N, C-alpha and C. Protein backbone atom coordinates (compact mmCIF):
# COMPACT_ATOMS: atom_id res chain seq x y z
N UNK A 1 0.76 -1.28 0.03
CA UNK A 1 -0.27 -0.15 0.15
C UNK A 1 0.99 1.28 -0.08
N UNK A 2 2.24 1.19 0.92
CA UNK A 2 2.83 2.54 0.86
C UNK A 2 3.46 2.63 -0.44
N UNK A 3 3.68 1.67 -1.06
CA UNK A 3 4.72 1.57 -2.27
C UNK A 3 3.56 2.18 -3.18
N UNK A 4 2.25 2.12 -3.66
CA UNK A 4 0.85 2.55 -4.14
C UNK A 4 1.26 4.10 -4.18
N UNK A 5 0.95 4.13 -2.58
CA UNK A 5 0.80 5.79 -2.45
C UNK A 5 2.18 6.47 -2.89
N UNK A 6 3.48 5.94 -3.05
CA UNK A 6 4.46 6.48 -2.93
C UNK A 6 4.55 6.40 -4.41
N UNK A 7 4.24 6.13 -5.71
CA UNK A 7 4.04 5.73 -6.69
C UNK A 7 3.23 7.10 -7.04
N UNK A 8 2.39 7.29 -6.73
CA UNK A 8 0.99 7.74 -6.77
C UNK A 8 1.54 9.20 -6.48
N UNK A 9 2.35 9.49 -5.33
CA UNK A 9 2.64 10.65 -5.40
C UNK A 9 3.48 11.26 -6.22
N UNK A 10 4.42 10.18 -6.87
CA UNK A 10 5.48 10.84 -7.77
C UNK A 10 4.70 11.35 -8.94
N UNK A 11 4.06 10.33 -8.77
CA UNK A 11 3.01 10.46 -10.37
C UNK A 11 2.59 11.99 -10.17
N UNK A 12 2.04 12.34 -9.45
CA UNK A 12 1.14 13.61 -9.32
C UNK A 12 2.17 14.64 -9.37
N UNK A 13 3.09 14.19 -8.54
CA UNK A 13 4.47 15.79 -8.50
C UNK A 13 5.21 16.39 -9.87
N UNK A 14 4.89 14.99 -10.30
CA UNK A 14 5.40 15.04 -12.08
C UNK A 14 4.42 15.93 -12.92
N UNK A 15 3.20 15.97 -12.28
CA UNK A 15 2.23 16.13 -13.34
C UNK A 15 1.83 17.91 -12.70
N UNK A 16 2.38 18.21 -11.49
CA UNK A 16 1.86 19.11 -10.74
C UNK A 16 3.21 20.26 -11.12
N UNK A 17 4.20 20.19 -11.13
CA UNK A 17 5.47 21.04 -11.73
C UNK A 17 4.75 21.17 -12.84
N UNK A 18 5.13 20.86 -14.16
CA UNK A 18 4.95 21.37 -14.93
C UNK A 18 3.71 22.42 -15.30
N UNK A 19 2.65 22.12 -14.49
CA UNK A 19 1.30 23.00 -14.42
C UNK A 19 1.82 24.33 -13.61
N UNK A 20 2.24 23.94 -12.81
CA UNK A 20 3.00 25.27 -11.95
C UNK A 20 3.51 26.18 -13.06
N UNK A 21 4.74 25.57 -13.74
CA UNK A 21 5.22 26.49 -14.48
C UNK A 21 4.68 26.97 -15.78
N UNK A 22 3.85 25.99 -16.47
CA UNK A 22 2.98 26.68 -17.50
C UNK A 22 1.79 27.99 -16.67
N UNK A 23 1.48 28.00 -15.76
CA UNK A 23 1.22 29.42 -15.14
C UNK A 23 1.71 30.52 -14.84
N UNK A 24 3.19 30.43 -15.05
CA UNK A 24 3.63 31.94 -15.32
C UNK A 24 3.83 32.13 -16.65
N UNK A 25 3.26 31.10 -17.33
CA UNK A 25 3.43 32.37 -18.80
C UNK A 25 1.92 32.75 -19.38
N UNK A 26 1.73 33.69 -19.60
CA UNK A 26 0.59 34.61 -20.12
C UNK A 26 0.72 34.82 -21.68
N UNK A 27 -0.73 34.92 -22.17
CA UNK A 27 -0.50 35.84 -23.63
C UNK A 27 -1.28 36.51 -23.66
N UNK A 28 -0.99 37.43 -24.86
CA UNK A 28 -1.40 38.53 -25.07
C UNK A 28 -2.25 38.45 -26.64
N UNK A 29 -3.38 38.33 -26.70
CA UNK A 29 -3.91 38.14 -28.36
C UNK A 29 -4.66 39.07 -28.88
N UNK A 30 -4.62 39.24 -30.22
CA UNK A 30 -5.27 40.40 -30.59
C UNK A 30 -6.26 39.32 -32.24
N UNK A 31 -7.50 39.57 -32.39
CA UNK A 31 -7.78 38.78 -33.10
C UNK A 31 -8.48 40.03 -34.38
N UNK A 32 -7.30 39.87 -35.74
CA UNK A 32 -8.32 41.18 -36.24
C UNK A 32 -9.76 40.35 -36.86
N UNK A 33 -10.53 41.74 -37.86
CA UNK A 33 -12.00 41.26 -38.23
C UNK A 33 -12.08 40.22 -38.93
N UNK A 34 -10.76 39.90 -39.96
CA UNK A 34 -10.74 38.76 -40.78
C UNK A 34 -10.96 36.97 -39.90
N UNK A 35 -10.49 36.90 -38.57
CA UNK A 35 -10.57 36.17 -37.62
C UNK A 35 -9.29 35.73 -37.29
N UNK A 36 -8.49 36.00 -38.32
CA UNK A 36 -6.70 35.67 -37.90
C UNK A 36 -5.91 36.69 -36.68
N UNK A 37 -5.18 35.78 -35.97
CA UNK A 37 -5.06 36.06 -34.97
C UNK A 37 -3.18 36.48 -34.72
N UNK A 38 -2.85 37.33 -33.72
CA UNK A 38 -1.66 37.69 -33.47
C UNK A 38 -1.28 37.64 -31.93
N UNK A 39 -0.55 37.11 -31.40
CA UNK A 39 -0.48 36.70 -29.93
C UNK A 39 1.02 37.22 -29.42
N UNK A 40 1.17 36.87 -28.41
CA UNK A 40 2.55 37.55 -27.71
C UNK A 40 2.48 36.38 -26.62
N UNK A 41 3.85 35.70 -25.97
CA UNK A 41 3.15 34.54 -25.26
C UNK A 41 4.72 35.22 -24.14
N UNK A 42 4.63 35.47 -22.96
CA UNK A 42 5.92 36.05 -22.07
C UNK A 42 5.70 35.65 -20.52
N UNK A 43 6.70 35.67 -20.01
CA UNK A 43 7.02 35.32 -18.25
C UNK A 43 5.73 36.00 -17.18
N UNK A 44 4.99 36.12 -16.87
CA UNK A 44 4.33 36.72 -16.22
C UNK A 44 5.12 36.85 -14.58
N UNK A 45 5.21 35.54 -14.37
CA UNK A 45 5.92 35.87 -12.90
C UNK A 45 7.18 36.36 -12.81
N UNK A 46 7.85 37.12 -13.40
CA UNK A 46 8.93 37.76 -13.28
C UNK A 46 8.37 38.83 -12.58
N UNK A 47 9.37 39.46 -11.24
CA UNK A 47 9.27 40.60 -10.89
C UNK A 47 9.91 41.78 -11.55
N UNK A 48 9.25 42.91 -11.54
CA UNK A 48 10.47 43.91 -12.41
C UNK A 48 10.91 44.90 -11.59
N UNK A 49 10.77 44.54 -10.02
CA UNK A 49 10.90 45.63 -9.13
C UNK A 49 12.65 45.77 -9.13
N UNK A 50 13.35 44.99 -9.46
CA UNK A 50 14.85 44.89 -9.48
C UNK A 50 15.45 45.64 -10.70
N UNK A 51 14.63 45.56 -11.92
CA UNK A 51 15.52 45.23 -13.19
C UNK A 51 15.13 46.97 -13.14
N UNK A 52 16.10 47.52 -14.06
CA UNK A 52 16.23 49.05 -14.37
C UNK A 52 15.66 49.17 -15.60
N UNK A 53 14.58 49.84 -15.53
CA UNK A 53 13.62 49.47 -17.02
C UNK A 53 13.77 51.11 -17.46
N UNK A 54 14.98 51.93 -16.98
CA UNK A 54 15.16 53.01 -17.92
C UNK A 54 16.38 53.21 -18.62
N UNK A 55 17.18 51.91 -18.06
CA UNK A 55 18.77 52.08 -18.77
C UNK A 55 19.22 51.83 -20.42
N UNK A 56 18.01 51.41 -21.18
CA UNK A 56 18.59 51.26 -22.36
C UNK A 56 19.22 50.21 -23.00
N UNK A 57 18.96 48.97 -21.98
CA UNK A 57 19.23 47.95 -22.23
C UNK A 57 18.18 46.63 -22.50
N UNK A 58 18.95 46.06 -23.43
CA UNK A 58 17.57 45.22 -23.95
C UNK A 58 17.11 44.52 -22.41
N UNK A 59 15.62 44.42 -22.07
CA UNK A 59 15.18 43.41 -21.58
C UNK A 59 14.12 42.71 -22.05
N UNK A 60 13.51 41.82 -20.74
CA UNK A 60 12.70 40.92 -21.35
C UNK A 60 12.04 40.23 -19.37
N UNK A 61 10.89 40.17 -19.64
CA UNK A 61 10.05 39.50 -18.23
C UNK A 61 11.05 38.42 -17.92
N UNK A 62 11.36 38.06 -16.97
CA UNK A 62 11.88 36.74 -16.69
C UNK A 62 13.52 36.26 -17.15
N UNK A 63 13.92 37.46 -17.75
CA UNK A 63 15.42 37.12 -18.47
C UNK A 63 14.53 36.27 -20.13
N UNK A 64 14.05 35.83 -20.34
CA UNK A 64 12.95 34.93 -21.37
C UNK A 64 12.60 35.76 -22.46
N UNK A 65 13.28 35.45 -23.60
CA UNK A 65 12.29 36.09 -24.81
C UNK A 65 10.84 35.87 -24.63
N UNK A 66 10.41 36.70 -25.16
CA UNK A 66 8.74 37.03 -25.14
C UNK A 66 8.90 36.35 -26.78
N UNK A 67 7.74 35.63 -26.88
CA UNK A 67 6.94 34.92 -28.19
C UNK A 67 6.01 35.50 -29.14
N UNK A 68 6.20 35.98 -30.09
CA UNK A 68 4.94 36.70 -30.92
C UNK A 68 4.69 35.13 -32.07
N UNK A 69 3.40 35.17 -32.32
CA UNK A 69 2.91 34.39 -33.41
C UNK A 69 1.62 35.06 -33.83
N UNK A 70 1.86 35.14 -35.39
CA UNK A 70 1.07 35.61 -36.21
C UNK A 70 0.84 34.67 -37.14
N UNK A 71 -0.59 34.72 -37.87
CA UNK A 71 -1.64 33.79 -38.47
C UNK A 71 -1.50 34.96 -39.85
N UNK A 72 -1.14 35.80 -39.70
CA UNK A 72 -0.91 36.72 -41.04
C UNK A 72 0.03 37.56 -41.01
N UNK A 73 0.20 38.14 -42.52
CA UNK A 73 1.24 38.87 -42.51
C UNK A 73 0.97 40.57 -41.78
N UNK A 74 2.19 41.07 -41.26
CA UNK A 74 2.06 41.96 -40.22
C UNK A 74 2.87 43.43 -40.80
N UNK A 75 2.42 44.58 -40.16
CA UNK A 75 3.58 45.58 -40.88
C UNK A 75 3.77 46.26 -39.44
N UNK A 76 4.94 46.74 -38.98
CA UNK A 76 5.00 47.47 -37.72
C UNK A 76 6.53 48.30 -37.95
N UNK A 77 6.45 49.60 -37.63
CA UNK A 77 7.52 51.07 -38.28
C UNK A 77 8.26 50.24 -40.12
N UNK A 78 6.74 50.21 -40.72
CA UNK A 78 7.10 50.13 -42.19
C UNK A 78 7.97 49.16 -42.35
N UNK A 79 8.02 47.87 -41.46
CA UNK A 79 8.63 46.79 -41.69
C UNK A 79 7.47 45.55 -41.64
N UNK A 80 7.89 44.76 -43.07
CA UNK A 80 6.67 43.67 -42.96
C UNK A 80 7.22 42.24 -42.19
N UNK A 81 5.84 41.52 -41.89
CA UNK A 81 6.65 40.60 -40.08
C UNK A 81 5.61 39.37 -41.56
N UNK A 82 6.44 38.31 -41.71
CA UNK A 82 5.46 37.12 -42.47
C UNK A 82 4.68 36.48 -41.56
N UNK A 83 4.31 35.37 -42.01
CA UNK A 83 3.01 34.75 -40.87
C UNK A 83 4.36 33.65 -40.24
N UNK A 84 4.35 33.49 -38.98
CA UNK A 84 5.23 32.88 -38.63
C UNK A 84 5.73 33.15 -36.83
N UNK A 85 6.80 32.58 -36.41
CA UNK A 85 7.06 32.99 -34.84
C UNK A 85 8.43 33.49 -34.84
N UNK A 86 8.33 34.76 -33.88
CA UNK A 86 9.15 35.47 -33.46
C UNK A 86 9.68 35.80 -32.26
N UNK A 87 10.69 35.96 -31.85
CA UNK A 87 11.21 36.37 -30.48
C UNK A 87 11.33 37.74 -30.53
N UNK A 88 10.94 38.19 -29.44
CA UNK A 88 10.32 39.49 -29.01
C UNK A 88 11.09 39.97 -27.64
N UNK A 89 12.08 41.24 -27.93
CA UNK A 89 12.71 42.22 -26.61
C UNK A 89 12.19 43.16 -26.69
N UNK A 90 12.56 43.82 -25.71
CA UNK A 90 12.11 45.28 -25.16
C UNK A 90 13.84 46.29 -24.99
N UNK A 91 13.59 46.94 -25.33
CA UNK A 91 15.06 48.03 -24.68
C UNK A 91 14.26 49.41 -23.91
N UNK A 92 13.83 49.33 -22.86
CA UNK A 92 13.17 50.29 -22.25
C UNK A 92 14.29 51.29 -22.27
N UNK A 93 13.76 53.01 -22.23
CA UNK A 93 14.69 54.40 -21.83
C UNK A 93 13.73 54.76 -21.27
N UNK A 94 14.14 55.69 -21.09
CA UNK A 94 13.25 57.02 -19.95
C UNK A 94 11.99 57.75 -20.53
N UNK A 95 12.78 57.98 -21.95
CA UNK A 95 11.41 58.42 -22.99
C UNK A 95 10.90 57.94 -24.16
N UNK A 96 11.63 56.55 -24.22
CA UNK A 96 11.21 56.00 -25.77
C UNK A 96 12.03 54.51 -25.14
N UNK A 97 10.63 53.53 -25.50
CA UNK A 97 10.84 52.23 -25.69
C UNK A 97 11.13 51.70 -27.32
N UNK A 98 12.03 50.60 -27.21
CA UNK A 98 11.86 50.01 -28.41
C UNK A 98 11.74 48.70 -28.30
N UNK A 99 10.78 48.03 -29.44
CA UNK A 99 9.99 46.79 -29.18
C UNK A 99 10.88 45.84 -30.95
N UNK A 100 11.67 45.11 -30.04
CA UNK A 100 12.58 44.07 -30.90
C UNK A 100 11.98 43.33 -31.42
N UNK A 101 11.62 42.84 -33.06
CA UNK A 101 11.57 41.50 -33.23
C UNK A 101 12.86 40.76 -33.55
N UNK A 102 12.80 39.54 -33.28
CA UNK A 102 14.19 38.97 -33.81
C UNK A 102 13.84 37.47 -34.83
N UNK A 103 13.82 37.04 -35.55
CA UNK A 103 13.72 35.82 -36.61
C UNK A 103 14.11 34.54 -35.89
N UNK A 104 15.09 34.57 -34.97
CA UNK A 104 15.56 33.21 -34.08
C UNK A 104 13.98 32.62 -32.92
N UNK A 105 13.74 31.80 -32.88
CA UNK A 105 13.19 31.20 -31.69
C UNK A 105 13.87 30.40 -30.99
N UNK A 106 15.22 30.15 -31.54
CA UNK A 106 15.85 29.05 -30.49
C UNK A 106 16.13 29.50 -29.38
N UNK A 107 16.05 28.99 -28.14
CA UNK A 107 16.40 29.11 -27.64
C UNK A 107 17.89 29.55 -27.08
N UNK A 108 18.56 30.37 -26.47
CA UNK A 108 19.71 30.66 -26.34
C UNK A 108 20.08 31.87 -26.63
N UNK A 109 21.33 32.46 -26.97
CA UNK A 109 21.66 33.68 -27.05
C UNK A 109 21.24 34.71 -27.81
N UNK A 110 20.60 35.49 -27.93
CA UNK A 110 20.22 36.91 -28.71
C UNK A 110 21.34 37.09 -29.52
N UNK A 111 20.77 36.82 -30.79
CA UNK A 111 21.78 37.22 -32.03
C UNK A 111 21.42 38.77 -32.60
N UNK A 112 21.88 39.86 -32.32
CA UNK A 112 21.64 41.22 -33.01
C UNK A 112 21.38 41.12 -34.56
N UNK A 113 22.07 40.06 -35.54
CA UNK A 113 21.87 39.75 -37.14
C UNK A 113 20.58 39.27 -37.91
N UNK A 114 20.05 38.80 -36.43
CA UNK A 114 18.94 38.17 -36.93
C UNK A 114 17.57 39.22 -36.59
N UNK A 115 17.47 40.41 -35.94
CA UNK A 115 16.96 40.93 -36.05
C UNK A 115 16.27 41.51 -36.95
N UNK A 116 14.83 41.80 -37.05
CA UNK A 116 13.80 41.90 -38.00
C UNK A 116 13.52 43.53 -37.97
N UNK A 117 13.25 43.87 -37.02
CA UNK A 117 13.28 45.12 -37.13
C UNK A 117 12.93 45.51 -35.34
N UNK A 118 13.54 47.13 -35.11
CA UNK A 118 13.45 47.77 -33.63
C UNK A 118 12.50 49.22 -34.03
N UNK A 119 11.49 48.39 -33.65
CA UNK A 119 9.85 49.50 -33.67
C UNK A 119 10.19 50.20 -32.15
N UNK A 120 10.25 51.80 -32.48
CA UNK A 120 9.90 52.86 -31.62
C UNK A 120 8.76 52.58 -30.74
N UNK A 121 8.79 52.51 -29.82
CA UNK A 121 7.18 52.65 -28.89
C UNK A 121 6.89 53.84 -28.53
N UNK A 122 5.59 54.75 -28.37
CA UNK A 122 5.16 55.71 -27.84
C UNK A 122 5.63 55.43 -26.06
N UNK A 123 5.51 56.03 -25.14
CA UNK A 123 5.59 56.44 -23.82
C UNK A 123 4.82 57.55 -23.16
N UNK A 124 4.33 56.97 -21.96
CA UNK A 124 3.52 57.90 -21.74
C UNK A 124 3.32 57.66 -20.04
N UNK A 125 3.29 58.90 -19.35
CA UNK A 125 2.99 58.12 -17.87
C UNK A 125 1.77 57.60 -17.32
N UNK A 126 1.31 57.03 -16.91
CA UNK A 126 -0.39 57.03 -16.25
C UNK A 126 -0.43 57.22 -14.51
N UNK A 127 -1.32 57.55 -14.42
CA UNK A 127 -1.58 58.06 -13.15
C UNK A 127 -1.37 57.02 -11.61
N UNK A 128 -1.31 55.80 -12.61
CA UNK A 128 -1.91 55.11 -10.99
C UNK A 128 -0.75 53.88 -11.51
N UNK A 129 0.32 53.66 -10.59
CA UNK A 129 1.40 52.37 -10.70
C UNK A 129 0.45 50.65 -10.93
N UNK A 130 1.00 50.13 -12.02
CA UNK A 130 0.70 49.00 -12.31
C UNK A 130 2.02 48.50 -12.01
N UNK A 131 1.66 46.63 -12.10
CA UNK A 131 2.75 45.54 -12.10
C UNK A 131 2.49 45.19 -14.00
N UNK A 132 3.71 44.93 -13.76
CA UNK A 132 3.91 44.63 -15.67
C UNK A 132 2.83 43.70 -16.23
N UNK A 133 2.32 44.45 -17.59
CA UNK A 133 1.03 43.64 -17.95
C UNK A 133 1.18 43.83 -19.66
N UNK A 134 1.11 43.32 -20.38
CA UNK A 134 1.04 43.40 -22.05
C UNK A 134 -0.37 42.90 -22.41
N UNK A 135 -0.99 43.62 -22.91
CA UNK A 135 -2.34 43.25 -23.58
C UNK A 135 -2.32 44.04 -25.03
N UNK A 136 -3.44 43.98 -25.71
CA UNK A 136 -3.20 44.22 -27.28
C UNK A 136 -5.08 44.94 -27.21
N UNK A 137 -4.48 45.84 -28.08
CA UNK A 137 -6.09 47.02 -28.22
C UNK A 137 -6.25 46.83 -29.85
N UNK A 138 -7.51 46.41 -30.01
CA UNK A 138 -7.73 46.23 -31.15
C UNK A 138 -8.75 47.66 -31.49
N UNK A 139 -7.80 48.60 -32.17
CA UNK A 139 -8.00 49.73 -32.70
C UNK A 139 -8.43 50.19 -33.94
N UNK A 140 -8.46 48.94 -34.66
CA UNK A 140 -9.63 48.68 -36.19
C UNK A 140 -9.32 48.06 -36.43
N UNK A 141 -10.45 47.77 -37.79
CA UNK A 141 -10.67 46.17 -38.61
C UNK A 141 -8.59 45.66 -38.64
N UNK A 142 -7.89 46.68 -38.95
CA UNK A 142 -6.63 45.70 -39.46
C UNK A 142 -5.46 46.32 -38.69
N UNK A 143 -6.08 46.75 -37.45
CA UNK A 143 -4.42 47.14 -36.89
C UNK A 143 -4.99 46.87 -35.11
N UNK A 144 -3.76 45.95 -34.56
CA UNK A 144 -3.76 46.24 -32.76
C UNK A 144 -2.50 46.93 -32.58
N UNK A 145 -2.82 47.31 -31.68
CA UNK A 145 -1.82 48.01 -30.29
C UNK A 145 -1.17 47.29 -29.45
N UNK A 146 0.17 46.62 -29.28
CA UNK A 146 0.63 46.43 -28.88
C UNK A 146 0.41 47.31 -27.01
N UNK A 147 0.52 47.33 -26.22
CA UNK A 147 0.49 48.23 -24.94
C UNK A 147 0.98 47.03 -23.88
N UNK A 148 2.12 47.90 -23.18
CA UNK A 148 3.19 47.44 -22.13
C UNK A 148 3.02 48.67 -20.92
N UNK A 149 2.75 47.85 -19.69
CA UNK A 149 2.12 48.81 -18.41
C UNK A 149 3.46 48.36 -17.30
N UNK A 150 3.72 49.27 -16.56
CA UNK A 150 5.06 48.80 -15.92
C UNK A 150 5.11 50.09 -14.71
N UNK A 151 4.47 49.82 -13.72
CA UNK A 151 4.82 51.37 -12.62
C UNK A 151 3.85 52.40 -13.18
N UNK A 152 4.40 53.40 -13.24
CA UNK A 152 3.29 54.62 -13.79
C UNK A 152 4.01 54.57 -15.40
N UNK A 153 4.34 53.80 -16.08
CA UNK A 153 4.86 54.10 -17.41
C UNK A 153 3.73 53.22 -18.41
N UNK A 154 3.34 53.59 -19.30
CA UNK A 154 2.67 53.02 -20.18
C UNK A 154 3.33 53.44 -21.86
N UNK A 155 3.30 52.39 -22.42
CA UNK A 155 3.99 52.35 -24.23
C UNK A 155 3.06 51.48 -24.90
N UNK A 156 3.22 51.78 -25.91
CA UNK A 156 2.58 50.92 -27.18
C UNK A 156 3.16 51.73 -28.32
N UNK A 157 3.07 50.22 -29.35
CA UNK A 157 3.56 50.20 -31.11
C UNK A 157 1.83 49.95 -31.77
N UNK A 158 2.03 50.17 -32.79
CA UNK A 158 1.21 49.73 -33.90
C UNK A 158 1.66 48.73 -34.75
N UNK A 159 0.41 47.32 -34.50
CA UNK A 159 0.75 46.24 -35.91
C UNK A 159 -0.57 46.70 -36.88
N UNK A 160 -0.03 46.42 -37.89
CA UNK A 160 -1.52 46.52 -38.76
C UNK A 160 -1.18 44.76 -39.52
N UNK A 161 -2.45 43.98 -39.76
CA UNK A 161 -2.55 43.61 -40.74
C UNK A 161 -1.95 43.98 -42.16
N UNK A 162 -1.29 43.30 -42.95
CA UNK A 162 -1.49 43.76 -44.76
C UNK A 162 -2.52 43.05 -45.44
């Protein structure tokens, strides 16, 4: 009986650990008028308080690249993004943030030569401090704006469906 309980406990703990790890990821999704979607997965378990988000250095939540998935061709900052998956990084600075979309989704070291685009993001101060979050705003039939909030900073950039 004890052996059966021990095996059951090991089996259940093996199931619960991956489930807990999966809960650390969040997904921001936008659906265009034609039903095609774009989404970004990111680590929402990271504490941002220790990060200097005005340093001008590349940063991602949890020090893991975010992943953009798109079912439709997009444009951002006059650059075309084909259907597919991409790594996404942020370069936060005091007055302007930059959204970096990189062709490589392989785990490991960031390679700047794989950058598809470095898109400027608008920055504004908001009245109430917010924990780090990322959402999409569906602004028009073919436009989704990524919005990122952290502390009293809000930043955004426009994606357009081609």
